[in-house]
Amino acid sequence: MDSTSRPTRYHYVLTVEIPGVGLATSSDVVTVDPGTTRSTVYGFAVERAVEGIMRRASPGLTYSPPITRFWSLDDNAL
């Protein structure tokens, strides 16, 4: 990318499940710098979703890794 590249806005939708704990769907718009990977945005989205699920869970609960049920990431511009 050249030095004139600008951040881009993306919209994501993510549904994750933590078996025995809960299911959450989140949707947000994120602004990413040029060179940011799809994997980086996915990791960010999963972290936020898991934090949301765990806020509603019983304290001290141990859980399995989250299972992604749906993931979509698209440029926010139409």
N, C-alpha and C. Protein backbone atom coordinates (compact mmCIF):
# COMPACT_ATOMS: atom_id res chain seq x y z
N MET A 1 0.85 -1.18 0.00
CA MET A 1 0.00 0.00 0.00
C MET A 1 0.89 1.24 0.00
N ASP A 2 0.43 2.28 -0.64
CA ASP A 2 1.21 3.51 -0.64
C ASP A 2 0.91 4.34 0.59
N SER A 3 1.68 5.40 0.80
CA SER A 3 1.55 6.20 2.02
C SER A 3 0.26 7.00 2.08
N THR A 4 -0.51 7.04 0.98
CA THR A 4 -1.78 7.78 0.98
C THR A 4 -2.95 6.88 1.35
N SER A 5 -2.69 5.60 1.64
CA SER A 5 -3.77 4.69 2.02
C SER A 5 -4.43 5.17 3.29
N ARG A 6 -5.72 5.01 3.34
CA ARG A 6 -6.48 5.49 4.50
C ARG A 6 -7.19 4.33 5.17
N PRO A 7 -7.54 4.50 6.44
CA PRO A 7 -8.31 3.45 7.13
C PRO A 7 -9.62 3.17 6.39
N THR A 8 -10.08 1.95 6.50
CA THR A 8 -11.32 1.52 5.86
C THR A 8 -12.29 1.03 6.92
N ARG A 9 -13.57 1.28 6.69
CA ARG A 9 -14.61 0.83 7.63
C ARG A 9 -15.23 -0.46 7.11
N TYR A 10 -15.32 -1.43 8.03
CA TYR A 10 -15.93 -2.72 7.72
C TYR A 10 -17.06 -3.00 8.70
N HIS A 11 -18.04 -3.72 8.21
CA HIS A 11 -19.15 -4.17 9.06
C HIS A 11 -19.00 -5.67 9.24
N TYR A 12 -19.12 -6.13 10.50
CA TYR A 12 -19.07 -7.57 10.73
C TYR A 12 -20.31 -8.03 11.47
N VAL A 13 -20.64 -9.30 11.27
CA VAL A 13 -21.67 -10.00 12.03
C VAL A 13 -21.03 -11.31 12.46
N LEU A 14 -21.15 -11.62 13.74
CA LEU A 14 -20.53 -12.82 14.29
C LEU A 14 -21.50 -13.47 15.27
N THR A 15 -21.67 -14.78 15.12
CA THR A 15 -22.41 -15.56 16.11
C THR A 15 -21.46 -16.61 16.65
N VAL A 16 -21.28 -16.62 17.97
CA VAL A 16 -20.45 -17.63 18.62
C VAL A 16 -21.25 -18.31 19.72
N GLU A 17 -20.86 -19.54 19.98
CA GLU A 17 -21.48 -20.31 21.06
C GLU A 17 -20.37 -20.84 21.96
N ILE A 18 -20.60 -20.75 23.24
CA ILE A 18 -19.75 -21.43 24.21
C ILE A 18 -20.62 -22.53 24.79
N PRO A 19 -20.35 -23.79 24.42
CA PRO A 19 -21.21 -24.89 24.86
C PRO A 19 -21.41 -24.89 26.38
N GLY A 20 -22.66 -25.00 26.77
CA GLY A 20 -23.01 -25.03 28.18
C GLY A 20 -23.04 -23.66 28.84
N VAL A 21 -22.68 -22.62 28.09
CA VAL A 21 -22.65 -21.27 28.67
C VAL A 21 -23.63 -20.35 27.96
N GLY A 22 -23.53 -20.26 26.63
CA GLY A 22 -24.44 -19.38 25.92
C GLY A 22 -24.06 -19.14 24.48
N LEU A 23 -24.91 -18.39 23.82
CA LEU A 23 -24.79 -18.05 22.41
C LEU A 23 -24.94 -16.55 22.29
N ALA A 24 -24.14 -15.94 21.41
CA ALA A 24 -24.26 -14.49 21.22
C ALA A 24 -24.03 -14.14 19.76
N THR A 25 -24.79 -13.18 19.29
CA THR A 25 -24.58 -12.61 17.97
C THR A 25 -24.26 -11.14 18.17
N SER A 26 -23.20 -10.70 17.52
CA SER A 26 -22.84 -9.30 17.61
C SER A 26 -22.63 -8.74 16.21
N SER A 27 -22.85 -7.45 16.10
CA SER A 27 -22.72 -6.75 14.84
C SER A 27 -22.11 -5.39 15.15
N ASP A 28 -21.11 -5.00 14.38
CA ASP A 28 -20.46 -3.71 14.65
C ASP A 28 -19.77 -3.24 13.38
N VAL A 29 -19.39 -1.97 13.39
CA VAL A 29 -18.59 -1.38 12.33
C VAL A 29 -17.24 -1.04 12.96
N VAL A 30 -16.16 -1.49 12.31
CA VAL A 30 -14.82 -1.22 12.80
C VAL A 30 -14.03 -0.50 11.72
N THR A 31 -13.16 0.38 12.16
CA THR A 31 -12.26 1.07 11.24
C THR A 31 -10.89 0.45 11.37
N VAL A 32 -10.34 -0.02 10.26
CA VAL A 32 -9.05 -0.69 10.29
C VAL A 32 -8.04 0.04 9.41
N ASP A 33 -6.80 -0.03 9.82
CA ASP A 33 -5.71 0.57 9.07
C ASP A 33 -5.35 -0.32 7.87
N PRO A 34 -4.79 0.27 6.83
CA PRO A 34 -4.33 -0.53 5.70
C PRO A 34 -3.38 -1.62 6.18
N GLY A 35 -3.52 -2.81 5.62
CA GLY A 35 -2.66 -3.93 6.00
C GLY A 35 -3.21 -4.78 7.12
N THR A 36 -4.28 -4.33 7.78
CA THR A 36 -4.90 -5.14 8.83
C THR A 36 -5.49 -6.38 8.19
N THR A 37 -5.31 -7.52 8.83
CA THR A 37 -5.80 -8.77 8.25
C THR A 37 -7.23 -9.08 8.70
N ARG A 38 -7.89 -9.88 7.89
CA ARG A 38 -9.23 -10.36 8.24
C ARG A 38 -9.16 -11.15 9.55
N SER A 39 -8.09 -11.89 9.74
CA SER A 39 -7.90 -12.68 10.95
C SER A 39 -7.82 -11.79 12.19
N THR A 40 -7.19 -10.65 12.08
CA THR A 40 -7.09 -9.72 13.21
C THR A 40 -8.47 -9.20 13.60
N VAL A 41 -9.28 -8.84 12.62
CA VAL A 41 -10.63 -8.34 12.90
C VAL A 41 -11.48 -9.46 13.51
N TYR A 42 -11.34 -10.68 12.98
CA TYR A 42 -12.08 -11.82 13.51
C TYR A 42 -11.71 -12.06 14.99
N GLY A 43 -10.43 -12.04 15.29
CA GLY A 43 -9.99 -12.23 16.68
C GLY A 43 -10.57 -11.18 17.61
N PHE A 44 -10.57 -9.93 17.17
CA PHE A 44 -11.16 -8.83 17.94
C PHE A 44 -12.64 -9.09 18.19
N ALA A 45 -13.36 -9.47 17.14
CA ALA A 45 -14.80 -9.71 17.25
C ALA A 45 -15.11 -10.87 18.20
N VAL A 46 -14.33 -11.95 18.10
CA VAL A 46 -14.55 -13.10 18.99
C VAL A 46 -14.29 -12.71 20.44
N GLU A 47 -13.22 -11.97 20.70
CA GLU A 47 -12.94 -11.53 22.07
C GLU A 47 -14.10 -10.74 22.65
N ARG A 48 -14.63 -9.81 21.87
CA ARG A 48 -15.76 -9.00 22.34
C ARG A 48 -16.98 -9.86 22.60
N ALA A 49 -17.27 -10.81 21.72
CA ALA A 49 -18.44 -11.67 21.90
C ALA A 49 -18.30 -12.55 23.14
N VAL A 50 -17.12 -13.13 23.34
CA VAL A 50 -16.89 -13.98 24.51
C VAL A 50 -17.01 -13.16 25.79
N GLU A 51 -16.46 -11.95 25.80
CA GLU A 51 -16.60 -11.09 26.98
C GLU A 51 -18.08 -10.85 27.30
N GLY A 52 -18.88 -10.64 26.27
CA GLY A 52 -20.31 -10.42 26.47
C GLY A 52 -21.02 -11.64 27.04
N ILE A 53 -20.68 -12.80 26.53
CA ILE A 53 -21.29 -14.04 27.03
C ILE A 53 -20.88 -14.27 28.48
N MET A 54 -19.61 -14.08 28.78
CA MET A 54 -19.11 -14.38 30.11
C MET A 54 -19.61 -13.39 31.17
N ARG A 55 -19.97 -12.18 30.77
CA ARG A 55 -20.56 -11.23 31.73
C ARG A 55 -21.87 -11.76 32.28
N ARG A 56 -22.56 -12.58 31.49
CA ARG A 56 -23.86 -13.12 31.91
C ARG A 56 -23.73 -14.50 32.56
N ALA A 57 -22.54 -15.08 32.53
CA ALA A 57 -22.33 -16.43 33.05
C ALA A 57 -22.08 -16.40 34.56
N SER A 58 -22.20 -17.56 35.17
CA SER A 58 -21.91 -17.69 36.61
C SER A 58 -20.43 -17.43 36.86
N PRO A 59 -20.11 -16.72 37.95
CA PRO A 59 -18.70 -16.46 38.27
C PRO A 59 -17.92 -17.76 38.47
N GLY A 60 -16.68 -17.76 38.02
CA GLY A 60 -15.82 -18.92 38.20
C GLY A 60 -16.08 -20.06 37.24
N LEU A 61 -16.98 -19.87 36.32
CA LEU A 61 -17.33 -20.91 35.36
C LEU A 61 -16.17 -21.15 34.40
N THR A 62 -15.82 -22.41 34.20
CA THR A 62 -14.83 -22.73 33.17
C THR A 62 -15.59 -23.11 31.91
N TYR A 63 -14.96 -22.90 30.77
CA TYR A 63 -15.68 -23.14 29.54
C TYR A 63 -14.76 -23.63 28.43
N SER A 64 -15.38 -24.24 27.44
CA SER A 64 -14.67 -24.70 26.25
C SER A 64 -14.43 -23.51 25.33
N PRO A 65 -13.51 -23.65 24.40
CA PRO A 65 -13.31 -22.56 23.43
C PRO A 65 -14.61 -22.28 22.65
N PRO A 66 -14.80 -21.04 22.26
CA PRO A 66 -16.02 -20.70 21.53
C PRO A 66 -16.05 -21.35 20.14
N ILE A 67 -17.27 -21.65 19.71
CA ILE A 67 -17.50 -22.21 18.37
C ILE A 67 -18.14 -21.11 17.53
N THR A 68 -17.56 -20.83 16.39
CA THR A 68 -18.13 -19.83 15.49
C THR A 68 -19.26 -20.47 14.69
N ARG A 69 -20.44 -19.90 14.81
CA ARG A 69 -21.60 -20.39 14.08
C ARG A 69 -21.83 -19.58 12.80
N PHE A 70 -21.40 -18.30 12.82
CA PHE A 70 -21.55 -17.45 11.63
C PHE A 70 -20.53 -16.33 11.71
N TRP A 71 -19.93 -15.98 10.57
CA TRP A 71 -18.97 -14.88 10.50
C TRP A 71 -19.07 -14.22 9.13
N SER A 72 -19.22 -12.90 9.14
CA SER A 72 -19.27 -12.13 7.90
C SER A 72 -18.53 -10.82 8.13
N LEU A 73 -17.70 -10.44 7.18
CA LEU A 73 -16.96 -9.18 7.23
C LEU A 73 -16.98 -8.58 5.84
N ASP A 74 -17.57 -7.39 5.73
CA ASP A 74 -17.70 -6.73 4.43
C ASP A 74 -17.38 -5.25 4.56
N ASP A 75 -16.93 -4.67 3.46
CA ASP A 75 -16.73 -3.22 3.41
C ASP A 75 -18.04 -2.56 3.78
N ASN A 76 -18.00 -1.54 4.62
CA ASN A 76 -19.21 -0.90 5.09
C ASN A 76 -19.86 0.01 4.05
N ALA A 77 -19.11 0.38 3.02
CA ALA A 77 -19.65 1.27 1.98
C ALA A 77 -20.56 0.50 1.04
N LEU A 78 -21.61 1.17 0.59
CA LEU A 78 -22.51 0.55 -0.40
C LEU A 78 -22.17 1.05 -1.78
